[in-house]
């Protein structure tokens, strides 16, 4: 396998991963916005175990926050379908690198900020990287083809087997 074809293969993988990530981020954002519109002022009051003491306490939680703690994740799993939970889990993983930015903000602010940052990173920067890798691959492929043509021209010149295309 030529080096150019390997870079071309990697660029296609990066581009595909970028597209899949953007689809999951947009699907999670759409689900979040749908929930927000449907449940405008509803906040989930539920009983969850206190991590420190292990007692069951009633706590008011918002299940829409991105990358929630395990106790809220269990509540969210009970509220969403399995497909929606897969989308939310993939979105949590994709947005985890940005989760430190807006700690303490409202969940909808966090979700929007994390989604925009994730779309910029996975949608824009990875597409630019894939394009750069493709250009490197094309350059290597062209250089290899030029080298082969030069070698063939030298061989034709040396042997005198050059035939005019006309």
Protein backbone atom coordinates (compact mmCIF):
# COMPACT_ATOMS: atom_id res chain seq x y z
CA UNK A 1 0.00 0.00 0.00
CA UNK A 2 1.41 3.35 -1.01
CA UNK A 3 1.85 6.01 1.70
CA UNK A 4 -0.61 8.28 -0.11
CA UNK A 5 -3.34 5.67 -0.07
CA UNK A 6 -2.88 5.16 3.67
CA UNK A 7 -3.28 8.90 4.33
CA UNK A 8 -6.31 8.90 2.03
CA UNK A 9 -7.78 6.03 4.05
CA UNK A 10 -7.10 7.87 7.32
CA UNK A 11 -8.68 11.05 5.97
CA UNK A 12 -11.85 9.13 5.07
CA UNK A 13 -11.98 7.61 8.58
CA UNK A 14 -11.50 11.04 10.24
CA UNK A 15 -14.17 12.57 7.97
CA UNK A 16 -16.62 9.74 8.73
CA UNK A 17 -15.95 9.98 12.49
CA UNK A 18 -16.52 13.74 12.30
CA UNK A 19 -19.85 13.29 10.52
CA UNK A 20 -21.00 10.63 13.01
CA UNK A 21 -20.02 12.85 15.95
CA UNK A 22 -21.91 15.82 14.50
CA UNK A 23 -25.01 13.67 13.93
CA UNK A 24 -24.95 12.47 17.55
CA UNK A 25 -24.39 15.99 18.89
CA UNK A 26 -27.23 17.42 16.81
CA UNK A 27 -29.55 14.53 17.74
CA UNK A 28 -28.79 15.06 21.44
CA UNK A 29 -29.33 18.80 21.11
CA UNK A 30 -32.61 18.22 19.29
CA UNK A 31 -33.74 15.80 22.01
CA UNK A 32 -32.73 18.26 24.71
CA UNK A 33 -34.60 21.12 23.01
CA UNK A 34 -37.66 18.91 22.51
CA UNK A 35 -37.64 18.00 26.21
CA UNK A 36 -37.19 21.65 27.17
CA UNK A 37 -40.16 22.73 25.11
CA UNK A 38 -42.35 19.88 26.34
CA UNK A 39 -41.39 20.23 30.02
CA UNK A 40 -40.82 23.97 30.28
CA UNK A 41 -40.79 24.23 34.04
CA UNK A 42 -40.75 20.60 35.12
CA UNK A 43 -37.79 19.57 37.22
CA UNK A 44 -37.46 15.98 38.24
CA UNK A 45 -37.97 15.45 41.98
CA UNK A 46 -36.72 12.03 42.76
CA UNK A 47 -35.24 9.86 45.47
CA UNK A 48 -31.57 9.10 44.99
CA UNK A 49 -28.94 7.65 47.31
CA UNK A 50 -26.66 10.18 48.96
CA UNK A 51 -23.11 9.32 47.86
CA UNK A 52 -21.62 10.21 51.26
CA UNK A 53 -23.93 8.43 53.67
CA UNK A 54 -25.80 6.00 51.41
CA UNK A 55 -29.17 7.21 52.76
CA UNK A 56 -32.04 7.66 50.33
CA UNK A 57 -32.87 11.34 50.08
CA UNK A 58 -35.33 13.27 47.98
CA UNK A 59 -33.50 15.71 45.77
CA UNK A 60 -34.68 17.98 43.00
CA UNK A 61 -32.55 17.32 39.94
CA UNK A 62 -32.55 18.41 36.33
CA UNK A 63 -31.96 15.34 34.18
CA UNK A 64 -31.11 17.42 31.11
CA UNK A 65 -27.64 18.45 32.27
CA UNK A 66 -24.84 17.14 30.06
CA UNK A 67 -22.43 14.57 31.48
CA UNK A 68 -24.40 14.09 34.74
CA UNK A 69 -23.24 12.24 37.84
CA UNK A 70 -24.11 8.54 38.11
CA UNK A 71 -27.16 9.09 40.33
CA UNK A 72 -28.74 11.53 37.87
CA UNK A 73 -27.73 9.28 34.97
CA UNK A 74 -29.84 6.47 36.48
CA UNK A 75 -32.84 8.79 36.72
CA UNK A 76 -32.30 9.93 33.12
CA UNK A 77 -32.13 6.31 31.95
CA UNK A 78 -35.54 5.70 33.49
CA UNK A 79 -37.06 8.73 31.77
CA UNK A 80 -35.69 8.21 28.24
CA UNK A 81 -36.03 5.44 25.68
CA UNK A 82 -33.02 3.22 25.03
CA UNK A 83 -32.29 4.94 21.69
CA UNK A 84 -32.42 8.37 23.29
CA UNK A 85 -30.19 7.18 26.12
CA UNK A 86 -27.61 5.91 23.61
CA UNK A 87 -27.66 9.33 21.92
CA UNK A 88 -27.30 11.06 25.29
CA UNK A 89 -24.47 8.75 26.38
CA UNK A 90 -22.53 9.29 23.14
CA UNK A 91 -23.16 13.03 23.47
CA UNK A 92 -21.88 12.95 27.06
CA UNK A 93 -18.66 11.28 25.91
CA UNK A 94 -18.21 13.75 23.05
CA UNK A 95 -18.87 16.78 25.26
CA UNK A 96 -16.82 15.60 28.25
CA UNK A 97 -13.68 17.54 27.16
CA UNK A 98 -15.69 20.77 27.44
CA UNK A 99 -17.58 19.97 30.66
CA UNK A 100 -15.32 22.09 32.87
CA UNK A 101 -16.16 25.34 31.07
CA UNK A 102 -19.60 26.28 32.38
CA UNK A 103 -19.83 24.42 35.70
CA UNK A 104 -22.54 25.84 37.91
CA UNK A 105 -24.54 27.32 35.00
CA UNK A 106 -28.07 26.36 34.09
CA UNK A 107 -28.22 23.01 32.29
CA UNK A 108 -29.54 24.57 29.08
CA UNK A 109 -26.63 27.04 29.05
CA UNK A 110 -24.20 24.18 29.60
CA UNK A 111 -25.81 22.09 26.87
CA UNK A 112 -25.74 24.91 24.33
CA UNK A 113 -22.14 25.90 25.11
CA UNK A 114 -20.92 22.31 25.06
CA UNK A 115 -22.82 21.59 21.84
CA UNK A 116 -21.41 24.63 20.06
CA UNK A 117 -17.87 23.82 21.18
CA UNK A 118 -18.27 20.17 20.21
CA UNK A 119 -19.67 21.14 16.80
CA UNK A 120 -16.73 23.47 16.23
CA UNK A 121 -14.22 20.83 17.28
CA UNK A 122 -15.74 17.69 15.75
CA UNK A 123 -17.54 19.32 12.86
CA UNK A 124 -15.11 22.00 11.72
CA UNK A 125 -11.63 21.14 12.97
CA UNK A 126 -11.82 17.42 12.22
CA UNK A 127 -13.15 18.17 8.72
CA UNK A 128 -10.23 20.56 8.17
CA UNK A 129 -7.83 17.88 9.42
CA UNK A 130 -9.39 15.29 7.08
CA UNK A 131 -9.08 17.70 4.16
CA UNK A 132 -5.42 18.37 4.99
CA UNK A 133 -4.74 14.63 5.18
CA UNK A 134 -6.46 14.11 1.82
CA UNK A 135 -4.33 16.85 0.25
CA UNK A 136 -1.19 15.20 1.63
CA UNK A 137 -2.36 11.89 0.21
CA UNK A 138 -3.06 13.42 -3.20
CA UNK A 139 0.37 15.12 -3.22
CA UNK A 140 2.14 11.87 -2.36
CA UNK A 141 0.16 10.00 -5.00
CA UNK A 142 0.97 12.63 -7.66
CA UNK A 143 4.66 12.63 -6.71
CA UNK A 144 4.72 8.84 -6.94
CA UNK A 145 3.01 8.90 -10.36
CA UNK A 146 5.43 11.58 -11.60
CA UNK A 147 8.41 9.52 -10.39
CA UNK A 148 7.07 6.43 -12.20
CA UNK A 149 6.50 8.41 -15.40
CA UNK A 150 10.01 9.89 -15.26
CA UNK A 151 11.49 6.43 -14.75
CA UNK A 152 9.46 5.08 -17.69
CA UNK A 153 10.54 8.04 -19.87
CA UNK A 154 14.18 7.41 -18.98
CA UNK A 155 13.75 3.72 -19.80
CA UNK A 156 12.16 4.56 -23.18
CA UNK A 157 14.94 7.06 -23.92
CA UNK A 158 17.62 4.54 -22.96
CA UNK A 159 16.15 1.71 -25.03
CA UNK A 160 14.94 3.87 -27.92
CA UNK A 161 11.40 2.46 -27.74
CA UNK A 162 9.66 5.80 -27.66
CA UNK A 163 6.50 5.88 -29.77
CA UNK A 164 4.77 9.14 -30.64
CA UNK A 165 1.15 9.38 -29.49
CA UNK A 166 0.22 10.98 -32.85
